[in-house]
Structures are given as C-alpha cells and as structure tokens.
C-alpha cells in the first residue's frame, strides 16, 4: 500500500508555453535579436549624431579658446555613448548565448569585423537560454525604425544638394572679373 505524500512531484507536468519578453530600447539587461540590434543601433546613432552636431556647433568655438571644462564634458559624453553601445552589443551577444566578454575582440583588428558580421547575421538561440527569455517576435515598426535614418538622409540630401549647387554657382560668379 502506497502512502500519499503531499510533497512528491506530480506524475505529469503541465504543458508550459514558451515564455518571452518585450525588450525595451534603453534597457541594460535581456536579449535582443538582430533586427532590434540594427534598429536600436540606428536610433542610437541618429540621436548621437544629432547631439554631437549641436554640441559641436555651440561649444566648439569655446573649446578652441582653451576651455578645458568643455573638453572634459565632451570626453565624458563620449564615454557614456560608448557604454550605451557596449550594453546594446552585450544584449545581442546574450541572444546568441555568448558572453559579453567577446566584446573585447572589438579591440583586435580583423577579429572586430568578423565579430560584427557574426552579430549581424547569426540568428539567436531559440527559446530561453542562460541569459534569459527569448524576445517576442519582431513588430513591423522595427523595419520602419531601420529605414528611418535612410529616409532622413534622403530628405537632407534633397535640401543640401541644391543649396551646394547654388553655392558653387555663386562662387564661380564671384571669381569672374
């Protein structure tokens, strides 16, 4: 006669669906797939170029006057931007079930190119891995985020090219006697 033990494991485990989570763009943890990695990198780059462009236009004349405080502020901003990209790349490596220590390969010439291509083209691990749950399926808006900077550059080129041509024509007209 078997005794019923309330602490024993059940005979059949319930079916559990594969869990996933919604990655956040400015999160420090979790995993991101290759499309999110590319899209988030583009968004980070556009924001970084915008901030650096404004900072250069405003503060560069002051920096040339020997203001070391602004120089230190720019170096600190660069370190913060670099940390942002390291976090993003480590999240991508975690999706590949690799340690973020592989980021040290970015210091080595040619190995950095191979690692970058691996991070862009390799598919992440299916389901959960030792770094967490799998991210949810990609939303179509991620493709728009990836194409957004190219649309912005197209608009910028549509404005800048005619302005440059007008500048060249005025410069040629000014040189004629």
C-alpha atoms as a PDB file:
ATOM      1  CA  UNK A   1       0.000   0.000   0.000  1.00  0.00           C
ATOM      2  CA  UNK A   2       1.491   3.346  -1.070  1.00  0.00           C
ATOM      3  CA  UNK A   3       1.151   6.338   1.095  1.00  0.00           C
ATOM      4  CA  UNK A   4       0.187   9.691  -0.452  1.00  0.00           C
ATOM      5  CA  UNK A   5       2.953  12.252   0.050  1.00  0.00           C
ATOM      6  CA  UNK A   6       1.780  15.846  -0.496  1.00  0.00           C
ATOM      7  CA  UNK A   7       5.375  16.938  -1.223  1.00  0.00           C
ATOM      8  CA  UNK A   8       6.012  14.454  -4.022  1.00  0.00           C
ATOM      9  CA  UNK A   9       6.291  15.573  -7.634  1.00  0.00           C
ATOM     10  CA  UNK A  10       3.201  15.160  -9.778  1.00  0.00           C
ATOM     11  CA  UNK A  11       3.127  12.338 -12.342  1.00  0.00           C
ATOM     12  CA  UNK A  12       2.615  14.624 -15.298  1.00  0.00           C
ATOM     13  CA  UNK A  13       3.951  18.132 -15.591  1.00  0.00           C
ATOM     14  CA  UNK A  14       1.550  20.686 -17.065  1.00  0.00           C
ATOM     15  CA  UNK A  15       2.405  21.943 -20.541  1.00  0.00           C
ATOM     16  CA  UNK A  16       4.073  25.292 -20.248  1.00  0.00           C
ATOM     17  CA  UNK A  17       4.138  27.616 -23.219  1.00  0.00           C
ATOM     18  CA  UNK A  18       7.487  29.122 -24.141  1.00  0.00           C
ATOM     19  CA  UNK A  19       7.721  32.433 -22.360  1.00  0.00           C
ATOM     20  CA  UNK A  20       9.110  35.573 -23.952  1.00  0.00           C
ATOM     21  CA  UNK A  21       9.500  39.203 -23.030  1.00  0.00           C
ATOM     22  CA  UNK A  22       9.216  42.567 -24.767  1.00  0.00           C
ATOM     23  CA  UNK A  23      12.697  44.159 -25.000  1.00  0.00           C
ATOM     24  CA  UNK A  24      12.997  47.835 -24.143  1.00  0.00           C
ATOM     25  CA  UNK A  25      15.273  50.089 -26.172  1.00  0.00           C
ATOM     26  CA  UNK A  26      17.097  51.629 -23.205  1.00  0.00           C
ATOM     27  CA  UNK A  27      17.224  48.513 -21.015  1.00  0.00           C
ATOM     28  CA  UNK A  28      20.510  47.226 -19.606  1.00  0.00           C
ATOM     29  CA  UNK A  29      19.518  43.571 -19.471  1.00  0.00           C
ATOM     30  CA  UNK A  30      17.896  40.889 -21.534  1.00  0.00           C
ATOM     31  CA  UNK A  31      18.351  39.731 -25.088  1.00  0.00           C
ATOM     32  CA  UNK A  32      17.714  41.361 -28.453  1.00  0.00           C
ATOM     33  CA  UNK A  33      17.603  39.835 -31.910  1.00  0.00           C
ATOM     34  CA  UNK A  34      19.477  41.028 -34.972  1.00  0.00           C
ATOM     35  CA  UNK A  35      16.697  43.289 -36.325  1.00  0.00           C
ATOM     36  CA  UNK A  36      16.323  45.026 -32.965  1.00  0.00           C
ATOM     37  CA  UNK A  37      20.109  45.280 -32.699  1.00  0.00           C
ATOM     38  CA  UNK A  38      20.324  47.029 -36.076  1.00  0.00           C
ATOM     39  CA  UNK A  39      17.307  49.242 -35.429  1.00  0.00           C
ATOM     40  CA  UNK A  40      18.392  50.267 -31.943  1.00  0.00           C
ATOM     41  CA  UNK A  41      21.912  50.940 -33.248  1.00  0.00           C
ATOM     42  CA  UNK A  42      20.491  53.202 -35.955  1.00  0.00           C
ATOM     43  CA  UNK A  43      18.352  55.069 -33.437  1.00  0.00           C
ATOM     44  CA  UNK A  44      21.322  55.460 -31.068  1.00  0.00           C
ATOM     45  CA  UNK A  45      23.479  56.727 -33.941  1.00  0.00           C
ATOM     46  CA  UNK A  46      20.933  59.275 -35.133  1.00  0.00           C
ATOM     47  CA  UNK A  47      20.466  60.619 -31.592  1.00  0.00           C
ATOM     48  CA  UNK A  48      24.237  60.636 -31.032  1.00  0.00           C
ATOM     49  CA  UNK A  49      24.964  62.492 -34.304  1.00  0.00           C
ATOM     50  CA  UNK A  50      22.223  65.000 -33.566  1.00  0.00           C
ATOM     51  CA  UNK A  51      23.529  65.734 -30.065  1.00  0.00           C
ATOM     52  CA  UNK A  52      27.177  65.834 -31.175  1.00  0.00           C
ATOM     53  CA  UNK A  53      26.302  68.103 -34.112  1.00  0.00           C
ATOM     54  CA  UNK A  54      24.537  70.589 -31.888  1.00  0.00           C
ATOM     55  CA  UNK A  55      27.257  70.383 -29.243  1.00  0.00           C
ATOM     56  CA  UNK A  56      29.968  70.932 -31.849  1.00  0.00           C
ATOM     57  CA  UNK A  57      28.182  73.950 -33.319  1.00  0.00           C
ATOM     58  CA  UNK A  58      27.606  75.527 -29.923  1.00  0.00           C
ATOM     59  CA  UNK A  59      30.668  74.547 -27.917  1.00  0.00           C
ATOM     60  CA  UNK A  60      33.488  74.141 -30.458  1.00  0.00           C
ATOM     61  CA  UNK A  61      34.292  77.870 -30.573  1.00  0.00           C
ATOM     62  CA  UNK A  62      34.510  77.874 -26.778  1.00  0.00           C
ATOM     63  CA  UNK A  63      36.714  74.769 -26.819  1.00  0.00           C
ATOM     64  CA  UNK A  64      39.201  76.419 -29.174  1.00  0.00           C
ATOM     65  CA  UNK A  65      39.588  79.229 -26.630  1.00  0.00           C
ATOM     66  CA  UNK A  66      41.106  76.749 -24.197  1.00  0.00           C
ATOM     67  CA  UNK A  67      38.103  75.925 -22.043  1.00  0.00           C
ATOM     68  CA  UNK A  68      39.121  72.571 -20.562  1.00  0.00           C
ATOM     69  CA  UNK A  69      35.789  72.033 -18.777  1.00  0.00           C
ATOM     70  CA  UNK A  70      34.037  71.654 -22.126  1.00  0.00           C
ATOM     71  CA  UNK A  71      36.716  69.262 -23.337  1.00  0.00           C
ATOM     72  CA  UNK A  72      36.263  67.096 -20.268  1.00  0.00           C
ATOM     73  CA  UNK A  73      32.472  67.208 -20.738  1.00  0.00           C
ATOM     74  CA  UNK A  74      32.849  66.014 -24.344  1.00  0.00           C
ATOM     75  CA  UNK A  75      35.109  63.149 -23.247  1.00  0.00           C
ATOM     76  CA  UNK A  76      32.580  62.127 -20.587  1.00  0.00           C
ATOM     77  CA  UNK A  77      29.794  62.256 -23.183  1.00  0.00           C
ATOM     78  CA  UNK A  78      31.845  60.036 -25.482  1.00  0.00           C
ATOM     79  CA  UNK A  79      32.386  57.518 -22.672  1.00  0.00           C
ATOM     80  CA  UNK A  80      28.643  57.472 -21.952  1.00  0.00           C
ATOM     81  CA  UNK A  81      27.867  56.890 -25.647  1.00  0.00           C
ATOM     82  CA  UNK A  82      30.433  54.094 -25.796  1.00  0.00           C
ATOM     83  CA  UNK A  83      28.860  52.470 -22.723  1.00  0.00           C
ATOM     84  CA  UNK A  84      25.466  52.655 -24.418  1.00  0.00           C
ATOM     85  CA  UNK A  85      26.770  50.761 -27.437  1.00  0.00           C
ATOM     86  CA  UNK A  86      28.557  48.189 -25.243  1.00  0.00           C
ATOM     87  CA  UNK A  87      25.276  47.447 -23.448  1.00  0.00           C
ATOM     88  CA  UNK A  88      23.494  47.065 -26.785  1.00  0.00           C
ATOM     89  CA  UNK A  89      26.154  44.728 -28.172  1.00  0.00           C
ATOM     90  CA  UNK A  90      26.236  42.660 -24.982  1.00  0.00           C
ATOM     91  CA  UNK A  91      22.454  42.177 -25.202  1.00  0.00           C
ATOM     92  CA  UNK A  92      22.919  40.928 -28.767  1.00  0.00           C
ATOM     93  CA  UNK A  93      25.666  38.527 -27.699  1.00  0.00           C
ATOM     94  CA  UNK A  94      23.419  37.255 -24.926  1.00  0.00           C
ATOM     95  CA  UNK A  95      20.802  36.429 -27.557  1.00  0.00           C
ATOM     96  CA  UNK A  96      23.483  34.363 -29.299  1.00  0.00           C
ATOM     97  CA  UNK A  97      24.133  32.595 -25.950  1.00  0.00           C
ATOM     98  CA  UNK A  98      27.639  34.092 -25.794  1.00  0.00           C
ATOM     99  CA  UNK A  99      29.338  36.021 -23.041  1.00  0.00           C
ATOM    100  CA  UNK A 100      29.714  39.786 -23.322  1.00  0.00           C
ATOM    101  CA  UNK A 101      33.446  39.289 -22.779  1.00  0.00           C
ATOM    102  CA  UNK A 102      33.613  38.606 -26.514  1.00  0.00           C
ATOM    103  CA  UNK A 103      33.258  42.370 -26.961  1.00  0.00           C
ATOM    104  CA  UNK A 104      36.957  42.616 -26.172  1.00  0.00           C
ATOM    105  CA  UNK A 105      37.513  41.237 -29.681  1.00  0.00           C
ATOM    106  CA  UNK A 106      36.485  44.664 -30.981  1.00  0.00           C
ATOM    107  CA  UNK A 107      39.968  45.821 -29.952  1.00  0.00           C
ATOM    108  CA  UNK A 108      41.635  43.281 -32.270  1.00  0.00           C
ATOM    109  CA  UNK A 109      41.812  44.238 -35.972  1.00  0.00           C
ATOM    110  CA  UNK A 110      40.016  41.831 -38.329  1.00  0.00           C
ATOM    111  CA  UNK A 111      38.525  39.976 -35.365  1.00  0.00           C
ATOM    112  CA  UNK A 112      36.299  43.014 -34.806  1.00  0.00           C
ATOM    113  CA  UNK A 113      34.989  42.776 -38.366  1.00  0.00           C
ATOM    114  CA  UNK A 114      34.289  39.054 -38.003  1.00  0.00           C
ATOM    115  CA  UNK A 115      32.526  39.595 -34.672  1.00  0.00           C
ATOM    116  CA  UNK A 116      30.431  42.450 -36.084  1.00  0.00           C
ATOM    117  CA  UNK A 117      29.331  40.317 -39.054  1.00  0.00           C
ATOM    118  CA  UNK A 118      28.563  37.417 -36.711  1.00  0.00           C
ATOM    119  CA  UNK A 119      26.419  39.661 -34.512  1.00  0.00           C
ATOM    120  CA  UNK A 120      24.503  40.986 -37.525  1.00  0.00           C
ATOM    121  CA  UNK A 121      23.900  37.766 -39.445  1.00  0.00           C
ATOM    122  CA  UNK A 122      23.764  34.939 -36.875  1.00  0.00           C
ATOM    123  CA  UNK A 123      20.318  34.027 -35.608  1.00  0.00           C
ATOM    124  CA  UNK A 124      19.762  33.972 -31.871  1.00  0.00           C
ATOM    125  CA  UNK A 125      19.084  30.880 -29.835  1.00  0.00           C
ATOM    126  CA  UNK A 126      15.548  29.532 -29.917  1.00  0.00           C
ATOM    127  CA  UNK A 127      13.681  29.830 -26.660  1.00  0.00           C
ATOM    128  CA  UNK A 128      15.267  30.630 -23.338  1.00  0.00           C
ATOM    129  CA  UNK A 129      18.994  30.417 -22.779  1.00  0.00           C
ATOM    130  CA  UNK A 130      21.261  31.072 -19.805  1.00  0.00           C
ATOM    131  CA  UNK A 131      20.882  34.843 -20.304  1.00  0.00           C
ATOM    132  CA  UNK A 132      17.089  34.970 -20.125  1.00  0.00           C
ATOM    133  CA  UNK A 133      13.867  34.595 -22.018  1.00  0.00           C
ATOM    134  CA  UNK A 134      13.643  34.918 -25.775  1.00  0.00           C
ATOM    135  CA  UNK A 135      12.450  38.286 -27.085  1.00  0.00           C
ATOM    136  CA  UNK A 136       8.994  38.480 -28.643  1.00  0.00           C
ATOM    137  CA  UNK A 137       8.576  38.350 -32.403  1.00  0.00           C
ATOM    138  CA  UNK A 138       9.587  41.498 -34.245  1.00  0.00           C
ATOM    139  CA  UNK A 139       6.965  44.157 -34.813  1.00  0.00           C
ATOM    140  CA  UNK A 140       6.780  45.643 -38.353  1.00  0.00           C
ATOM    141  CA  UNK A 141       7.577  49.067 -36.881  1.00  0.00           C
ATOM    142  CA  UNK A 142      11.144  47.847 -36.315  1.00  0.00           C
ATOM    143  CA  UNK A 143      11.642  47.852 -40.078  1.00  0.00           C
ATOM    144  CA  UNK A 144      10.467  51.469 -40.186  1.00  0.00           C
ATOM    145  CA  UNK A 145      12.949  52.325 -37.443  1.00  0.00           C
ATOM    146  CA  UNK A 146      15.684  50.729 -39.522  1.00  0.00           C
ATOM    147  CA  UNK A 147      14.682  52.623 -42.667  1.00  0.00           C
ATOM    148  CA  UNK A 148      14.055  55.937 -40.874  1.00  0.00           C
ATOM    149  CA  UNK A 149      17.648  57.222 -40.945  1.00  0.00           C
ATOM    150  CA  UNK A 150      17.889  56.491 -44.674  1.00  0.00           C
ATOM    151  CA  UNK A 151      14.714  58.499 -45.295  1.00  0.00           C
ATOM    152  CA  UNK A 152      16.155  61.306 -43.164  1.00  0.00           C
ATOM    153  CA  UNK A 153      19.406  61.257 -45.185  1.00  0.00           C
ATOM    154  CA  UNK A 154      17.389  61.356 -48.421  1.00  0.00           C
ATOM    155  CA  UNK A 155      15.489  64.432 -47.263  1.00  0.00           C
ATOM    156  CA  UNK A 156      18.729  66.029 -46.105  1.00  0.00           C
ATOM    157  CA  UNK A 157      20.346  65.311 -49.493  1.00  0.00           C
ATOM    158  CA  UNK A 158      17.328  66.757 -51.313  1.00  0.00           C
ATOM    159  CA  UNK A 159      17.850  70.008 -49.433  1.00  0.00           C
ATOM    160  CA  UNK A 160      21.664  70.064 -49.318  1.00  0.00           C
ATOM    161  CA  UNK A 161      22.491  69.233 -52.957  1.00  0.00           C
ATOM    162  CA  UNK A 162      20.579  72.181 -54.499  1.00  0.00           C
ATOM    163  CA  UNK A 163      21.976  74.505 -51.819  1.00  0.00           C
ATOM    164  CA  UNK A 164      25.515  73.318 -52.623  1.00  0.00           C
ATOM    165  CA  UNK A 165      24.952  73.775 -56.356  1.00  0.00           C
ATOM    166  CA  UNK A 166      23.718  77.314 -55.732  1.00  0.00           C
ATOM    167  CA  UNK A 167      26.823  77.962 -53.610  1.00  0.00           C
ATOM    168  CA  UNK A 168      29.118  76.709 -56.389  1.00  0.00           C
ATOM    169  CA  UNK A 169      27.393  78.917 -58.959  1.00  0.00           C
ATOM    170  CA  UNK A 170      27.689  81.995 -56.738  1.00  0.00           C
ATOM    171  CA  UNK A 171      31.364  81.212 -56.051  1.00  0.00           C
ATOM    172  CA  UNK A 172      32.079  80.953 -59.794  1.00  0.00           C
ATOM    173  CA  UNK A 173      30.207  84.192 -60.458  1.00  0.00           C
ATOM    174  CA  UNK A 174      32.224  85.961 -57.746  1.00  0.00           C
ATOM    175  CA  UNK A 175      35.518  84.843 -59.302  1.00  0.00           C
ATOM    176  CA  UNK A 176      34.702  86.219 -62.777  1.00  0.00           C
ATOM    177  CA  UNK A 177      36.095  89.709 -63.461  1.00  0.00           C
END
